Amino acid sequence: MGGAAVGQLLKTTAPDELAVLARDGKKAQHYIDKGVNVRIGDFDDEESLEQAMKGISKLLLIPTIAPHRLEQHKKVIDAALKNGVKHVIYPGVSFKNIETSATAGLDAHFKTEDYIRNSGLTYTFLRNTLYMEAIAHFGGERLFESGFFLPAGNGKVPFALRREMGEAAANVLLQEGHENKTYDITGHELYGFAEVADELAKLTGKSVSYTSADPAVFAEKLKSAGVDEFFAFVVTGFNLDIRNRQFEIVTNDLERLLGRKPVGLKEGLTEVFGL
């Protein structure tokens, strides 16, 4: 998402007006080649964060996926405050009731929002729904052989493309009028995995099924496939949250920030799967 935001910013903004934080200069070489100011640092290295924030007026804080991400986010916010950053844009999660979430650590997004709000910094919160790109990960490498096998029940999600979320974040950085506002960044329709499977079948001409799996069986299947235990726990949690309809929030906030209707399921699946 950060890459998508930078790509959008570069369409209208001079490269030397932008800075990105990267842990590895080699991986950020493509930004250096474009003239973007690359600042090497790490969310666990407070000194590097201090240096990275110098001269910055607006900050897009992309969440980490580490188990201790709340502590990491606090370090970034503290460094931003100390160095005169004026406005923080934070993309969290669009979610009905975080207190009943089955996904460990998801509450860190809302705690990060609280920390930013209490800091006195101007903020914009972009509560993102699940990426459309995640559908491919949920399906796995054998999707077109075995179909979707997920404990998501009949729950639905207003999937949206990550690149459009990044574009929306870039527009917030560039525009005025988003100060101290919260947006739910979602697609314009809800889809369950049965509908996703049907659409993929139409697009590919292949048989694509959806099986609503037992959560315990699903978790065991991931484990036996050698999936990292933490990752398996998180993926299972996301599916249980879908099952419990936690992501069933639809707004036109993404449409307003893009200035057009976001990509729908058919076009999104075509892009995600390269069809």
Protein backbone atom coordinates (compact mmCIF):
# COMPACT_ATOMS: atom_id res chain seq x y z
CA MET A 1 0.00 0.00 0.00
CA GLY A 2 2.88 2.35 0.76
CA GLY A 3 4.30 1.71 -2.69
CA ALA A 4 0.93 2.45 -4.27
CA ALA A 5 0.72 5.72 -2.36
CA VAL A 6 4.20 6.80 -3.43
CA GLY A 7 3.44 5.88 -7.04
CA GLN A 8 0.35 8.08 -6.95
CA LEU A 9 2.20 10.96 -5.27
CA LEU A 10 4.91 10.90 -7.93
CA LYS A 11 2.30 11.66 -10.61
CA THR A 12 1.87 15.19 -9.27
CA THR A 13 4.65 15.78 -6.75
CA ALA A 14 8.37 16.38 -7.29
CA PRO A 15 10.41 13.39 -6.06
CA ASP A 16 12.58 15.57 -3.82
CA GLU A 17 9.45 16.61 -1.88
CA LEU A 18 8.92 13.01 -0.79
CA ALA A 19 10.75 10.83 1.70
CA VAL A 20 10.30 7.13 2.42
CA LEU A 21 11.56 5.07 5.34
CA ALA A 22 13.21 1.81 4.32
CA ARG A 23 15.05 -0.85 6.27
CA ASP A 24 17.13 -1.89 3.27
CA GLY A 25 18.59 0.64 0.87
CA LYS A 26 19.01 -1.97 -1.86
CA LYS A 27 15.31 -2.82 -1.80
CA ALA A 28 14.51 0.88 -2.04
CA GLN A 29 16.90 1.54 -4.92
CA HIS A 30 14.03 2.09 -7.37
CA TYR A 31 12.94 5.07 -5.24
CA ILE A 32 16.48 6.43 -5.11
CA ASP A 33 16.68 6.15 -8.90
CA LYS A 34 13.54 8.29 -9.16
CA GLY A 35 15.00 10.98 -6.91
CA VAL A 36 12.94 10.17 -3.83
CA ASN A 37 14.68 10.81 -0.51
CA VAL A 38 15.17 7.37 1.04
CA ARG A 39 15.85 7.36 4.78
CA ILE A 40 17.19 4.14 6.22
CA GLY A 41 15.66 3.11 9.52
CA ASP A 42 13.63 0.66 11.51
CA PHE A 43 10.53 0.96 13.68
CA ASP A 44 12.50 -0.57 16.55
CA ASP A 45 15.37 1.92 16.19
CA GLU A 46 14.33 5.19 17.81
CA GLU A 47 17.41 7.09 16.67
CA SER A 48 16.78 6.19 13.04
CA LEU A 49 13.15 7.32 13.40
CA GLU A 50 14.34 10.66 14.82
CA GLN A 51 16.50 11.20 11.74
CA ALA A 52 13.77 10.04 9.37
CA MET A 53 11.23 12.57 10.68
CA LYS A 54 13.37 15.66 10.19
CA GLY A 55 11.76 18.12 7.81
CA ILE A 56 8.57 16.09 7.44
CA SER A 57 5.20 17.87 7.57
CA LYS A 58 2.81 15.00 6.77
CA LEU A 59 3.34 11.34 7.61
CA LEU A 60 1.66 8.25 6.18
CA LEU A 61 2.25 5.59 8.83
CA ILE A 62 1.81 2.15 7.26
CA PRO A 63 1.13 -0.41 10.05
CA THR A 64 3.66 -3.14 10.67
CA ILE A 65 2.69 -6.80 11.04
CA ALA A 66 4.92 -7.52 14.03
CA PRO A 67 3.28 -8.86 17.22
CA HIS A 68 4.55 -5.74 19.03
CA ARG A 69 3.37 -3.30 16.39
CA LEU A 70 1.58 -1.01 18.85
CA GLU A 71 4.89 -0.29 20.57
CA GLN A 72 6.51 0.26 17.17
CA HIS A 73 3.77 2.67 16.11
CA LYS A 74 4.13 4.61 19.36
CA LYS A 75 7.85 5.10 18.67
CA VAL A 76 7.06 6.49 15.22
CA ILE A 77 4.41 8.84 16.61
CA ASP A 78 6.71 10.03 19.40
CA ALA A 79 9.46 10.77 16.86
CA ALA A 80 6.95 12.60 14.66
CA LEU A 81 5.83 14.76 17.58
CA LYS A 82 9.38 15.54 18.63
CA ASN A 83 10.37 16.65 15.13
CA GLY A 84 7.42 18.87 14.29
CA VAL A 85 5.34 16.63 12.04
CA LYS A 86 1.92 18.26 11.74
CA HIS A 87 -0.39 15.61 10.30
CA VAL A 88 -0.43 11.80 10.55
CA ILE A 89 -2.44 9.61 8.19
CA TYR A 90 -2.95 6.13 9.60
CA PRO A 91 -4.54 3.25 7.64
CA GLY A 92 -6.09 0.88 10.16
CA VAL A 93 -8.98 -1.55 9.73
CA SER A 94 -12.69 -1.18 8.99
CA PHE A 95 -14.32 -3.36 11.61
CA LYS A 96 -17.63 -3.59 13.48
CA ASN A 97 -16.64 -4.61 17.02
CA ILE A 98 -12.95 -4.97 17.79
CA GLU A 99 -13.68 -6.24 21.31
CA THR A 100 -15.13 -9.45 19.87
CA SER A 101 -12.49 -9.97 17.15
CA ALA A 102 -11.03 -13.46 16.71
CA THR A 103 -7.84 -12.04 15.20
CA ALA A 104 -5.01 -11.57 17.68
CA GLY A 105 -3.48 -8.10 17.63
CA LEU A 106 -6.08 -6.44 15.42
CA ASP A 107 -6.98 -4.13 18.28
CA ALA A 108 -3.55 -2.51 17.89
CA HIS A 109 -5.00 -0.48 15.02
CA PHE A 110 -7.58 1.18 17.26
CA LYS A 111 -5.08 1.63 20.08
CA THR A 112 -2.75 3.32 17.59
CA GLU A 113 -5.58 5.65 16.61
CA ASP A 114 -6.14 6.48 20.28
CA TYR A 115 -2.44 7.19 20.77
CA ILE A 116 -2.34 9.52 17.76
CA ARG A 117 -5.54 11.29 18.83
CA ASN A 118 -4.26 11.77 22.38
CA SER A 119 -0.91 13.07 21.12
CA GLY A 120 -2.56 16.23 19.82
CA LEU A 121 -1.34 15.63 16.26
CA THR A 122 -3.72 16.37 13.41
CA TYR A 123 -4.83 13.01 12.06
CA THR A 124 -6.74 11.24 9.34
CA PHE A 125 -7.74 7.64 9.95
CA LEU A 126 -8.30 5.43 6.91
CA ARG A 127 -9.98 2.27 8.16
CA ASN A 128 -9.33 -0.20 5.37
CA THR A 129 -11.39 -3.27 4.60
CA LEU A 130 -9.63 -6.45 3.44
CA TYR A 131 -7.50 -6.17 0.32
CA MET A 132 -8.93 -7.77 -2.81
CA GLU A 133 -5.40 -9.14 -3.30
CA ALA A 134 -5.90 -11.21 -0.13
CA ILE A 135 -8.38 -13.41 -2.01
CA ALA A 136 -5.50 -15.09 -3.84
CA HIS A 137 -3.74 -15.76 -0.53
CA PHE A 138 -6.89 -17.16 1.02
CA GLY A 139 -7.31 -19.44 -1.99
CA GLY A 140 -3.75 -20.74 -1.93
CA GLU A 141 -1.61 -22.23 -4.69
CA ARG A 142 -4.12 -24.98 -5.50
CA LEU A 143 -7.19 -22.77 -5.67
CA PHE A 144 -8.12 -23.83 -9.21
CA GLU A 145 -7.77 -27.49 -8.27
CA SER A 146 -9.29 -27.60 -4.78
CA GLY A 147 -11.34 -24.40 -4.53
CA PHE A 148 -11.65 -22.23 -1.43
CA PHE A 149 -11.54 -24.17 1.84
CA LEU A 150 -12.09 -21.54 4.53
CA PRO A 151 -13.91 -21.16 7.87
CA ALA A 152 -15.57 -17.93 6.69
CA GLY A 153 -19.12 -19.27 6.71
CA ASN A 154 -21.58 -17.03 4.89
CA GLY A 155 -19.87 -13.82 5.97
CA LYS A 156 -19.14 -11.14 3.40
CA VAL A 157 -16.49 -8.50 2.75
CA PRO A 158 -16.54 -5.28 0.65
CA PHE A 159 -13.14 -6.14 -0.87
CA ALA A 160 -11.15 -3.26 -2.40
CA LEU A 161 -7.89 -3.15 -4.32
CA ARG A 162 -4.80 -2.25 -2.32
CA ARG A 163 -3.56 0.06 -5.07
CA GLU A 164 -6.77 2.09 -4.85
CA MET A 165 -6.41 2.31 -1.08
CA GLY A 166 -2.88 3.61 -1.63
CA GLU A 167 -4.17 6.12 -4.15
CA ALA A 168 -6.79 7.32 -1.66
CA ALA A 169 -4.11 7.73 1.02
CA ALA A 170 -1.99 9.78 -1.40
CA ASN A 171 -4.95 12.03 -2.15
CA VAL A 172 -5.44 12.64 1.57
CA LEU A 173 -1.77 13.63 1.82
CA LEU A 174 -2.14 16.08 -1.06
CA GLN A 175 -5.51 17.60 -0.24
CA GLU A 176 -6.88 19.84 2.46
CA GLY A 177 -10.12 19.15 4.31
CA HIS A 178 -9.34 15.70 5.72
CA GLU A 179 -8.02 16.93 9.05
CA ASN A 180 -9.23 14.98 12.11
CA LYS A 181 -11.56 12.81 10.04
CA THR A 182 -12.11 9.05 9.98
CA TYR A 183 -13.01 7.18 6.79
CA ASP A 184 -14.06 3.57 6.24
CA ILE A 185 -12.28 2.57 3.05
CA THR A 186 -14.38 -0.16 1.42
CA GLY A 187 -15.62 -1.44 -1.89
CA HIS A 188 -19.19 -0.62 -2.85
CA GLU A 189 -20.61 -4.16 -2.54
CA LEU A 190 -20.39 -7.10 -0.13
CA TYR A 191 -19.16 -10.48 -1.38
CA GLY A 192 -18.96 -13.89 0.25
CA PHE A 193 -16.46 -16.51 -0.88
CA ALA A 194 -19.22 -18.45 -2.63
CA GLU A 195 -19.81 -15.40 -4.84
CA VAL A 196 -16.07 -14.93 -5.33
CA ALA A 197 -15.77 -18.59 -6.41
CA ASP A 198 -18.67 -18.19 -8.87
CA GLU A 199 -17.12 -15.08 -10.40
CA LEU A 200 -13.73 -16.76 -10.76
CA ALA A 201 -15.41 -19.74 -12.43
CA LYS A 202 -17.04 -17.41 -14.96
CA LEU A 203 -13.79 -15.58 -15.64
CA THR A 204 -11.66 -18.70 -16.07
CA GLY A 205 -14.11 -21.29 -17.36
CA LYS A 206 -12.89 -23.58 -14.59
CA SER A 207 -14.83 -25.14 -11.76
CA VAL A 208 -14.14 -23.16 -8.58
CA SER A 209 -15.88 -24.17 -5.36
CA TYR A 210 -16.17 -22.78 -1.86
CA THR A 211 -16.28 -25.09 1.15
CA SER A 212 -17.14 -23.57 4.51
CA ALA A 213 -14.58 -25.34 6.67
CA ASP A 214 -14.65 -26.19 10.34
CA PRO A 215 -12.27 -23.69 12.03
CA ALA A 216 -10.35 -26.38 13.93
CA VAL A 217 -9.93 -28.51 10.80
CA PHE A 218 -8.78 -25.46 8.85
CA ALA A 219 -6.20 -24.47 11.48
CA GLU A 220 -4.88 -28.04 11.60
CA LYS A 221 -4.64 -28.15 7.81
CA LEU A 222 -2.52 -24.98 7.82
CA LYS A 223 -0.30 -26.39 10.53
CA SER A 224 0.23 -29.69 8.72
CA ALA A 225 1.13 -27.73 5.58
CA GLY A 226 3.99 -26.14 7.51
CA VAL A 227 2.44 -22.69 7.79
CA ASP A 228 3.99 -20.59 10.56
CA GLU A 229 1.92 -20.94 13.75
CA PHE A 230 1.44 -17.20 14.25
CA PHE A 231 0.46 -16.68 10.62
CA ALA A 232 -1.95 -19.65 10.78
CA PHE A 233 -3.55 -18.16 13.89
CA VAL A 234 -3.98 -14.77 12.20
CA VAL A 235 -5.41 -16.21 8.97
CA THR A 236 -7.86 -18.35 10.93
CA GLY A 237 -8.84 -15.29 12.96
CA PHE A 238 -9.51 -13.20 9.86
CA ASN A 239 -11.78 -15.92 8.49
CA LEU A 240 -13.65 -16.21 11.78
CA ASP A 241 -14.13 -12.45 11.78
CA ILE A 242 -15.54 -12.72 8.25
CA ARG A 243 -17.81 -15.54 9.46
CA ASN A 244 -19.02 -13.28 12.28
CA ARG A 245 -19.73 -10.49 9.77
CA GLN A 246 -17.24 -8.09 11.32
CA PHE A 247 -16.18 -6.67 7.93
CA GLU A 248 -19.70 -6.01 6.65
CA ILE A 249 -19.35 -2.23 6.47
CA VAL A 250 -19.97 -0.43 3.16
CA THR A 251 -19.43 3.29 2.62
CA ASN A 252 -18.73 5.59 -0.32
CA ASP A 253 -15.63 7.05 1.38
CA LEU A 254 -13.21 5.35 -1.03
CA GLU A 255 -15.25 6.58 -3.99
CA ARG A 256 -15.13 10.15 -2.67
CA LEU A 257 -11.38 10.04 -2.06
CA LEU A 258 -10.69 8.55 -5.50
CA GLY A 259 -13.14 10.77 -7.34
CA ARG A 260 -14.56 7.68 -9.07
CA LYS A 261 -16.19 4.39 -8.23
CA PRO A 262 -13.70 1.79 -6.95
CA VAL A 263 -13.00 -1.32 -9.01
CA GLY A 264 -15.64 -4.02 -8.53
CA LEU A 265 -15.22 -7.75 -8.02
CA LYS A 266 -15.04 -8.86 -11.65
CA GLU A 267 -12.44 -6.31 -12.68
CA GLY A 268 -10.57 -6.73 -9.39
CA LEU A 269 -10.30 -10.50 -9.72
CA THR A 270 -9.16 -10.08 -13.33
CA GLU A 271 -6.35 -7.84 -12.11
CA VAL A 272 -5.41 -9.87 -9.03
CA PHE A 273 -5.21 -13.18 -10.89
CA GLY A 274 -3.84 -11.75 -14.14
CA LEU A 275 -6.78 -13.04 -16.17
